[in-house]
Amino acid sequence: FDQKRVLDCLEKAGFSDKLAEMPEGTETYLYKDYEDKGVDVSGGEAQKIAIARALYKDAPFIILDEPTAALDPMAEAEIYSKFDEIAGDKTAIYISHRLSSCKFCDEIAVFHEGAVIQQGTHAKLVADEEGKYYELWNAQAQYYTETA
């Protein structure tokens, strides 16, 4: 494997700080189930490793299914702010129930009962007061704002 590329992918995924604490660096076993000297990682750290693995694969598509579900709000915000850098020139499909994560996406497809029922940018979809996206956005936004 290409050590420099591994480190670059882990950096992009926000795992560098934890990696610096690992006794054998990238050679450290994950989880003590496999090695007594292994390191247990949190759910959020495991998600960062999964993102780094997807980047290392260097496929033309990146499919991320709820990639920030186990991250704390600050780590989640870091992933969002670096998403363009993380995805690079690849097509990224980002699956999420957290609509706040959709704001940085170029195109959003809204699925309902197995079918795409809306498609567009966040601004376009949230402006359609009759649409499902608007309904879902406001259902989630009510917990973050005084008025929904």
N, C-alpha and C. Protein backbone atom coordinates (compact mmCIF):
# COMPACT_ATOMS: atom_id res chain seq x y z
N PHE A 1 0.83 -1.20 0.00
CA PHE A 1 0.00 0.00 0.00
C PHE A 1 0.87 1.24 0.00
N ASP A 2 0.28 2.33 -0.42
CA ASP A 2 0.98 3.61 -0.54
C ASP A 2 0.77 4.39 0.77
N GLN A 3 1.78 4.41 1.62
CA GLN A 3 1.69 5.04 2.94
C GLN A 3 1.33 6.51 2.85
N LYS A 4 1.92 7.22 1.90
CA LYS A 4 1.63 8.65 1.76
C LYS A 4 0.15 8.86 1.42
N ARG A 5 -0.36 8.03 0.53
CA ARG A 5 -1.76 8.14 0.15
C ARG A 5 -2.69 7.79 1.31
N VAL A 6 -2.33 6.78 2.09
CA VAL A 6 -3.11 6.41 3.28
C VAL A 6 -3.20 7.61 4.22
N LEU A 7 -2.07 8.24 4.49
CA LEU A 7 -2.04 9.39 5.40
C LEU A 7 -2.86 10.55 4.86
N ASP A 8 -2.80 10.78 3.55
CA ASP A 8 -3.57 11.85 2.92
C ASP A 8 -5.07 11.57 3.06
N CYS A 9 -5.49 10.34 2.82
CA CYS A 9 -6.91 9.98 2.93
C CYS A 9 -7.40 10.10 4.37
N LEU A 10 -6.58 9.67 5.32
CA LEU A 10 -6.96 9.79 6.73
C LEU A 10 -7.05 11.26 7.14
N GLU A 11 -6.17 12.09 6.61
CA GLU A 11 -6.21 13.54 6.88
C GLU A 11 -7.51 14.13 6.34
N LYS A 12 -7.84 13.83 5.09
CA LYS A 12 -9.07 14.36 4.49
C LYS A 12 -10.31 13.92 5.27
N ALA A 13 -10.27 12.71 5.82
CA ALA A 13 -11.41 12.19 6.56
C ALA A 13 -11.44 12.69 8.01
N GLY A 14 -10.45 13.47 8.42
CA GLY A 14 -10.44 14.04 9.77
C GLY A 14 -9.96 13.08 10.84
N PHE A 15 -9.12 12.12 10.48
CA PHE A 15 -8.66 11.11 11.43
C PHE A 15 -7.23 11.32 11.91
N SER A 16 -6.57 12.36 11.49
CA SER A 16 -5.14 12.57 11.80
C SER A 16 -4.85 12.67 13.29
N ASP A 17 -5.69 13.36 14.05
CA ASP A 17 -5.43 13.51 15.49
C ASP A 17 -5.43 12.16 16.19
N LYS A 18 -6.43 11.34 15.88
CA LYS A 18 -6.51 10.01 16.50
C LYS A 18 -5.34 9.14 16.04
N LEU A 19 -4.99 9.24 14.76
CA LEU A 19 -3.87 8.45 14.24
C LEU A 19 -2.58 8.78 14.99
N ALA A 20 -2.38 10.04 15.34
CA ALA A 20 -1.17 10.46 16.06
C ALA A 20 -1.08 9.80 17.44
N GLU A 21 -2.22 9.41 18.00
CA GLU A 21 -2.25 8.76 19.32
C GLU A 21 -2.06 7.25 19.24
N MET A 22 -2.13 6.69 18.05
CA MET A 22 -2.07 5.24 17.89
C MET A 22 -0.62 4.76 17.98
N PRO A 23 -0.35 3.76 18.83
CA PRO A 23 1.03 3.37 19.12
C PRO A 23 1.84 2.93 17.90
N GLU A 24 1.22 2.30 16.93
CA GLU A 24 1.93 1.83 15.74
C GLU A 24 1.50 2.58 14.48
N GLY A 25 0.89 3.75 14.67
CA GLY A 25 0.44 4.53 13.51
C GLY A 25 -0.53 3.73 12.65
N THR A 26 -0.31 3.72 11.36
CA THR A 26 -1.22 3.00 10.45
C THR A 26 -1.09 1.49 10.58
N GLU A 27 -0.10 1.02 11.30
CA GLU A 27 0.07 -0.43 11.51
C GLU A 27 -0.64 -0.90 12.77
N THR A 28 -1.27 0.00 13.51
CA THR A 28 -1.99 -0.35 14.73
C THR A 28 -3.25 -1.14 14.36
N TYR A 29 -3.45 -2.25 15.05
CA TYR A 29 -4.68 -3.02 14.84
C TYR A 29 -5.86 -2.24 15.40
N LEU A 30 -6.96 -2.31 14.69
CA LEU A 30 -8.19 -1.72 15.20
C LEU A 30 -8.94 -2.79 15.99
N TYR A 31 -9.34 -2.42 17.17
CA TYR A 31 -10.11 -3.28 18.08
C TYR A 31 -9.23 -4.35 18.72
N LYS A 32 -9.48 -4.57 19.97
CA LYS A 32 -8.72 -5.55 20.75
C LYS A 32 -9.17 -6.97 20.44
N ASP A 33 -10.25 -7.13 19.71
CA ASP A 33 -10.72 -8.47 19.33
C ASP A 33 -9.68 -9.17 18.45
N TYR A 34 -8.92 -8.40 17.70
CA TYR A 34 -7.96 -8.96 16.76
C TYR A 34 -6.54 -9.01 17.30
N GLU A 35 -6.26 -8.15 18.24
CA GLU A 35 -4.89 -8.05 18.77
C GLU A 35 -4.98 -7.40 20.15
N ASP A 36 -4.29 -7.99 21.13
CA ASP A 36 -4.33 -7.44 22.49
C ASP A 36 -3.89 -5.98 22.55
N LYS A 37 -2.96 -5.60 21.68
CA LYS A 37 -2.47 -4.23 21.66
C LYS A 37 -3.29 -3.35 20.72
N GLY A 38 -4.40 -3.89 20.23
CA GLY A 38 -5.25 -3.13 19.33
C GLY A 38 -5.88 -1.93 20.02
N VAL A 39 -6.39 -1.02 19.23
CA VAL A 39 -7.00 0.20 19.75
C VAL A 39 -8.49 0.19 19.39
N ASP A 40 -9.32 0.36 20.40
CA ASP A 40 -10.75 0.48 20.15
C ASP A 40 -11.05 1.90 19.68
N VAL A 41 -11.82 2.01 18.62
CA VAL A 41 -12.20 3.33 18.11
C VAL A 41 -13.70 3.52 18.31
N SER A 42 -14.10 4.76 18.42
CA SER A 42 -15.51 5.09 18.59
C SER A 42 -16.25 4.89 17.26
N GLY A 43 -17.56 4.95 17.32
CA GLY A 43 -18.36 4.86 16.10
C GLY A 43 -18.02 5.96 15.12
N GLY A 44 -17.82 7.17 15.62
CA GLY A 44 -17.46 8.30 14.76
C GLY A 44 -16.09 8.12 14.13
N GLU A 45 -15.15 7.60 14.92
CA GLU A 45 -13.81 7.34 14.38
C GLU A 45 -13.86 6.24 13.32
N ALA A 46 -14.69 5.23 13.55
CA ALA A 46 -14.85 4.16 12.56
C ALA A 46 -15.43 4.71 11.27
N GLN A 47 -16.35 5.69 11.37
CA GLN A 47 -16.90 6.30 10.17
C GLN A 47 -15.83 7.08 9.41
N LYS A 48 -14.96 7.76 10.13
CA LYS A 48 -13.87 8.49 9.47
C LYS A 48 -12.94 7.53 8.74
N ILE A 49 -12.66 6.39 9.36
CA ILE A 49 -11.82 5.38 8.71
C ILE A 49 -12.52 4.85 7.46
N ALA A 50 -13.82 4.64 7.53
CA ALA A 50 -14.57 4.16 6.37
C ALA A 50 -14.51 5.18 5.22
N ILE A 51 -14.61 6.46 5.55
CA ILE A 51 -14.50 7.50 4.53
C ILE A 51 -13.10 7.48 3.91
N ALA A 52 -12.08 7.34 4.76
CA ALA A 52 -10.70 7.28 4.26
C ALA A 52 -10.51 6.07 3.34
N ARG A 53 -11.10 4.95 3.70
CA ARG A 53 -10.99 3.75 2.85
C ARG A 53 -11.65 3.99 1.50
N ALA A 54 -12.80 4.65 1.52
CA ALA A 54 -13.49 4.95 0.25
C ALA A 54 -12.62 5.86 -0.62
N LEU A 55 -11.97 6.83 -0.01
CA LEU A 55 -11.09 7.73 -0.75
C LEU A 55 -9.87 6.99 -1.30
N TYR A 56 -9.31 6.10 -0.50
CA TYR A 56 -8.12 5.36 -0.93
C TYR A 56 -8.42 4.48 -2.14
N LYS A 57 -9.61 3.94 -2.19
CA LYS A 57 -9.99 3.06 -3.30
C LYS A 57 -9.92 3.79 -4.64
N ASP A 58 -10.13 5.10 -4.61
CA ASP A 58 -10.00 5.95 -5.79
C ASP A 58 -10.93 5.53 -6.93
N ALA A 59 -12.14 5.14 -6.57
CA ALA A 59 -13.15 4.79 -7.57
C ALA A 59 -13.75 6.09 -8.14
N PRO A 60 -14.34 6.04 -9.32
CA PRO A 60 -14.92 7.26 -9.90
C PRO A 60 -16.16 7.75 -9.15
N PHE A 61 -16.77 6.85 -8.36
CA PHE A 61 -17.95 7.20 -7.56
C PHE A 61 -17.64 6.97 -6.09
N ILE A 62 -18.20 7.82 -5.25
CA ILE A 62 -18.15 7.61 -3.81
C ILE A 62 -19.60 7.57 -3.34
N ILE A 63 -19.98 6.48 -2.70
CA ILE A 63 -21.33 6.38 -2.15
C ILE A 63 -21.20 6.36 -0.64
N LEU A 64 -21.76 7.38 -0.01
CA LEU A 64 -21.69 7.53 1.44
C LEU A 64 -23.11 7.44 2.00
N ASP A 65 -23.38 6.39 2.78
CA ASP A 65 -24.70 6.17 3.36
C ASP A 65 -24.65 6.56 4.83
N GLU A 66 -25.29 7.67 5.16
CA GLU A 66 -25.30 8.21 6.53
C GLU A 66 -23.88 8.28 7.10
N PRO A 67 -22.94 8.91 6.39
CA PRO A 67 -21.54 8.88 6.81
C PRO A 67 -21.23 9.67 8.07
N THR A 68 -22.14 10.51 8.52
CA THR A 68 -21.86 11.30 9.72
C THR A 68 -22.78 10.92 10.89
N ALA A 69 -23.50 9.82 10.77
CA ALA A 69 -24.49 9.45 11.79
C ALA A 69 -23.89 9.28 13.18
N ALA A 70 -22.66 8.79 13.27
CA ALA A 70 -22.05 8.55 14.57
C ALA A 70 -21.07 9.65 14.98
N LEU A 71 -21.02 10.73 14.21
CA LEU A 71 -20.09 11.82 14.52
C LEU A 71 -20.75 12.85 15.43
N ASP A 72 -19.94 13.49 16.26
CA ASP A 72 -20.45 14.59 17.06
C ASP A 72 -20.66 15.79 16.14
N PRO A 73 -21.43 16.79 16.57
CA PRO A 73 -21.74 17.92 15.68
C PRO A 73 -20.52 18.64 15.12
N MET A 74 -19.45 18.77 15.88
CA MET A 74 -18.26 19.47 15.38
C MET A 74 -17.55 18.65 14.30
N ALA A 75 -17.43 17.34 14.51
CA ALA A 75 -16.80 16.48 13.50
C ALA A 75 -17.66 16.43 12.24
N GLU A 76 -18.97 16.42 12.43
CA GLU A 76 -19.89 16.43 11.29
C GLU A 76 -19.72 17.72 10.48
N ALA A 77 -19.64 18.85 11.16
CA ALA A 77 -19.45 20.13 10.47
C ALA A 77 -18.13 20.15 9.71
N GLU A 78 -17.09 19.53 10.28
CA GLU A 78 -15.79 19.47 9.60
C GLU A 78 -15.90 18.66 8.30
N ILE A 79 -16.60 17.54 8.35
CA ILE A 79 -16.79 16.73 7.14
C ILE A 79 -17.55 17.53 6.09
N TYR A 80 -18.62 18.22 6.51
CA TYR A 80 -19.40 19.03 5.55
C TYR A 80 -18.53 20.10 4.91
N SER A 81 -17.72 20.79 5.74
CA SER A 81 -16.92 21.90 5.22
C SER A 81 -15.84 21.43 4.26
N LYS A 82 -15.42 20.17 4.40
CA LYS A 82 -14.37 19.63 3.55
C LYS A 82 -14.91 18.69 2.47
N PHE A 83 -16.23 18.64 2.31
CA PHE A 83 -16.80 17.62 1.43
C PHE A 83 -16.31 17.74 0.00
N ASP A 84 -16.23 18.95 -0.54
CA ASP A 84 -15.74 19.12 -1.92
C ASP A 84 -14.30 18.62 -2.05
N GLU A 85 -13.48 18.91 -1.05
CA GLU A 85 -12.10 18.43 -1.05
C GLU A 85 -12.07 16.91 -0.96
N ILE A 86 -12.92 16.36 -0.11
CA ILE A 86 -12.97 14.91 0.07
C ILE A 86 -13.40 14.22 -1.22
N ALA A 87 -14.44 14.73 -1.85
CA ALA A 87 -14.97 14.10 -3.06
C ALA A 87 -14.07 14.35 -4.27
N GLY A 88 -13.40 15.49 -4.28
CA GLY A 88 -12.54 15.82 -5.41
C GLY A 88 -13.33 15.90 -6.71
N ASP A 89 -12.83 15.25 -7.75
CA ASP A 89 -13.51 15.30 -9.04
C ASP A 89 -14.41 14.08 -9.26
N LYS A 90 -14.68 13.35 -8.19
CA LYS A 90 -15.52 12.16 -8.27
C LYS A 90 -17.00 12.52 -8.13
N THR A 91 -17.84 11.66 -8.63
CA THR A 91 -19.27 11.79 -8.38
C THR A 91 -19.54 11.20 -7.01
N ALA A 92 -20.15 11.97 -6.13
CA ALA A 92 -20.43 11.51 -4.78
C ALA A 92 -21.94 11.42 -4.58
N ILE A 93 -22.36 10.28 -4.10
CA ILE A 93 -23.76 10.09 -3.73
C ILE A 93 -23.80 10.04 -2.21
N TYR A 94 -24.53 10.97 -1.65
CA TYR A 94 -24.56 11.16 -0.20
C TYR A 94 -25.98 10.86 0.26
N ILE A 95 -26.16 9.77 0.99
CA ILE A 95 -27.49 9.35 1.45
C ILE A 95 -27.63 9.78 2.90
N SER A 96 -28.69 10.54 3.19
CA SER A 96 -28.85 11.02 4.56
C SER A 96 -30.30 11.35 4.87
N HIS A 97 -30.65 11.15 6.13
CA HIS A 97 -31.95 11.60 6.63
C HIS A 97 -31.83 12.97 7.29
N ARG A 98 -30.60 13.41 7.51
CA ARG A 98 -30.36 14.73 8.11
C ARG A 98 -30.30 15.75 6.98
N LEU A 99 -31.36 16.50 6.83
CA LEU A 99 -31.43 17.41 5.70
C LEU A 99 -30.43 18.56 5.79
N SER A 100 -29.94 18.86 6.97
CA SER A 100 -28.92 19.91 7.07
C SER A 100 -27.68 19.52 6.28
N SER A 101 -27.45 18.24 6.12
CA SER A 101 -26.29 17.78 5.35
C SER A 101 -26.49 17.96 3.85
N CYS A 102 -27.71 18.22 3.43
CA CYS A 102 -27.99 18.38 1.99
C CYS A 102 -27.63 19.77 1.47
N LYS A 103 -27.48 20.73 2.35
CA LYS A 103 -27.26 22.11 1.91
C LYS A 103 -26.02 22.27 1.04
N PHE A 104 -25.00 21.46 1.26
CA PHE A 104 -23.76 21.61 0.48
C PHE A 104 -23.77 20.80 -0.81
N CYS A 105 -24.82 20.02 -1.04
CA CYS A 105 -24.87 19.17 -2.24
C CYS A 105 -25.28 19.98 -3.47
N ASP A 106 -24.70 19.64 -4.61
CA ASP A 106 -25.03 20.32 -5.87
C ASP A 106 -26.44 19.99 -6.33
N GLU A 107 -26.86 18.77 -6.10
CA GLU A 107 -28.17 18.30 -6.56
C GLU A 107 -28.72 17.36 -5.50
N ILE A 108 -30.00 17.50 -5.21
CA ILE A 108 -30.66 16.68 -4.19
C ILE A 108 -31.80 15.93 -4.87
N ALA A 109 -31.89 14.64 -4.59
CA ALA A 109 -33.02 13.84 -5.06
C ALA A 109 -33.80 13.41 -3.82
N VAL A 110 -35.09 13.70 -3.80
CA VAL A 110 -35.94 13.35 -2.67
C VAL A 110 -36.70 12.08 -3.04
N PHE A 111 -36.50 11.05 -2.22
CA PHE A 111 -37.19 9.78 -2.44
C PHE A 111 -38.36 9.66 -1.48
N HIS A 112 -39.44 9.08 -1.95
CA HIS A 112 -40.60 8.79 -1.11
C HIS A 112 -41.25 7.53 -1.66
N GLU A 113 -41.40 6.55 -0.80
CA GLU A 113 -42.01 5.27 -1.18
C GLU A 113 -41.35 4.67 -2.42
N GLY A 114 -40.02 4.74 -2.47
CA GLY A 114 -39.26 4.10 -3.53
C GLY A 114 -39.13 4.86 -4.83
N ALA A 115 -39.63 6.08 -4.88
CA ALA A 115 -39.56 6.85 -6.13
C ALA A 115 -38.99 8.24 -5.86
N VAL A 116 -38.31 8.79 -6.87
CA VAL A 116 -37.83 10.17 -6.78
C VAL A 116 -39.03 11.08 -7.03
N ILE A 117 -39.35 11.92 -6.03
CA ILE A 117 -40.52 12.79 -6.17
C ILE A 117 -40.14 14.26 -6.34
N GLN A 118 -38.90 14.61 -6.02
CA GLN A 118 -38.41 15.97 -6.22
C GLN A 118 -36.92 15.92 -6.51
N GLN A 119 -36.45 16.93 -7.21
CA GLN A 119 -35.03 17.01 -7.50
C GLN A 119 -34.66 18.47 -7.70
N GLY A 120 -33.51 18.87 -7.17
CA GLY A 120 -33.04 20.24 -7.34
C GLY A 120 -32.04 20.61 -6.27
N THR A 121 -31.73 21.89 -6.20
CA THR A 121 -30.83 22.39 -5.16
C THR A 121 -31.61 22.57 -3.86
N HIS A 122 -30.88 22.74 -2.78
CA HIS A 122 -31.54 23.00 -1.49
C HIS A 122 -32.44 24.23 -1.59
N ALA A 123 -31.91 25.32 -2.17
CA ALA A 123 -32.68 26.57 -2.26
C ALA A 123 -33.98 26.36 -3.04
N LYS A 124 -33.90 25.64 -4.13
CA LYS A 124 -35.09 25.39 -4.95
C LYS A 124 -36.10 24.53 -4.19
N LEU A 125 -35.63 23.47 -3.57
CA LEU A 125 -36.53 22.53 -2.90
C LEU A 125 -37.17 23.12 -1.65
N VAL A 126 -36.41 23.89 -0.89
CA VAL A 126 -36.96 24.46 0.34
C VAL A 126 -37.92 25.61 0.04
N ALA A 127 -37.83 26.17 -1.17
CA ALA A 127 -38.75 27.25 -1.57
C ALA A 127 -40.11 26.71 -2.01
N ASP A 128 -40.19 25.42 -2.31
CA ASP A 128 -41.44 24.81 -2.76
C ASP A 128 -42.25 24.37 -1.55
N GLU A 129 -43.13 25.25 -1.08
CA GLU A 129 -43.88 24.99 0.15
C GLU A 129 -44.84 23.81 0.05
N GLU A 130 -45.11 23.34 -1.14
CA GLU A 130 -45.99 22.18 -1.33
C GLU A 130 -45.20 20.87 -1.39
N GLY A 131 -43.88 20.97 -1.41
CA GLY A 131 -43.05 19.78 -1.62
C GLY A 131 -42.72 19.02 -0.35
N LYS A 132 -42.34 17.78 -0.54
CA LYS A 132 -41.96 16.89 0.56
C LYS A 132 -40.68 17.38 1.25
N TYR A 133 -39.73 17.89 0.46
CA TYR A 133 -38.48 18.39 1.04
C TYR A 133 -38.78 19.52 2.01
N TYR A 134 -39.63 20.45 1.61
CA TYR A 134 -40.01 21.57 2.48
C TYR A 134 -40.60 21.04 3.78
N GLU A 135 -41.49 20.07 3.66
CA GLU A 135 -42.14 19.47 4.83
C GLU A 135 -41.11 18.83 5.76
N LEU A 136 -40.21 18.06 5.20
CA LEU A 136 -39.19 17.38 6.00
C LEU A 136 -38.19 18.38 6.59
N TRP A 137 -37.79 19.37 5.79
CA TRP A 137 -36.86 20.39 6.26
C TRP A 137 -37.42 21.09 7.50
N ASN A 138 -38.67 21.51 7.42
CA ASN A 138 -39.28 22.22 8.54
C ASN A 138 -39.54 21.32 9.74
N ALA A 139 -39.79 20.04 9.50
CA ALA A 139 -39.95 19.11 10.61
C ALA A 139 -38.65 19.00 11.41
N GLN A 140 -37.51 19.04 10.71
CA GLN A 140 -36.22 18.97 11.40
C GLN A 140 -35.79 20.34 11.93
N ALA A 141 -36.06 21.39 11.18
CA ALA A 141 -35.62 22.74 11.55
C ALA A 141 -36.29 23.23 12.83
N GLN A 142 -37.48 22.74 13.12
CA GLN A 142 -38.19 23.22 14.31
C GLN A 142 -37.39 22.97 15.59
N TYR A 143 -36.51 22.01 15.58
CA TYR A 143 -35.71 21.72 16.76
C TYR A 143 -34.48 22.63 16.89
N TYR A 144 -34.21 23.41 15.84
CA TYR A 144 -33.04 24.28 15.84
C TYR A 144 -33.39 25.76 15.81
N THR A 145 -34.64 26.09 15.54
CA THR A 145 -35.05 27.48 15.45
C THR A 145 -36.25 27.72 16.34
N GLU A 146 -36.48 28.97 16.65
CA GLU A 146 -37.64 29.34 17.46
C GLU A 146 -38.93 29.14 16.67
N THR A 147 -38.89 29.47 15.39
CA THR A 147 -40.07 29.28 14.54
C THR A 147 -39.69 28.38 13.38
N ALA A 148 -40.64 27.56 12.98
CA ALA A 148 -40.35 26.62 11.88
C ALA A 148 -40.93 27.14 10.59
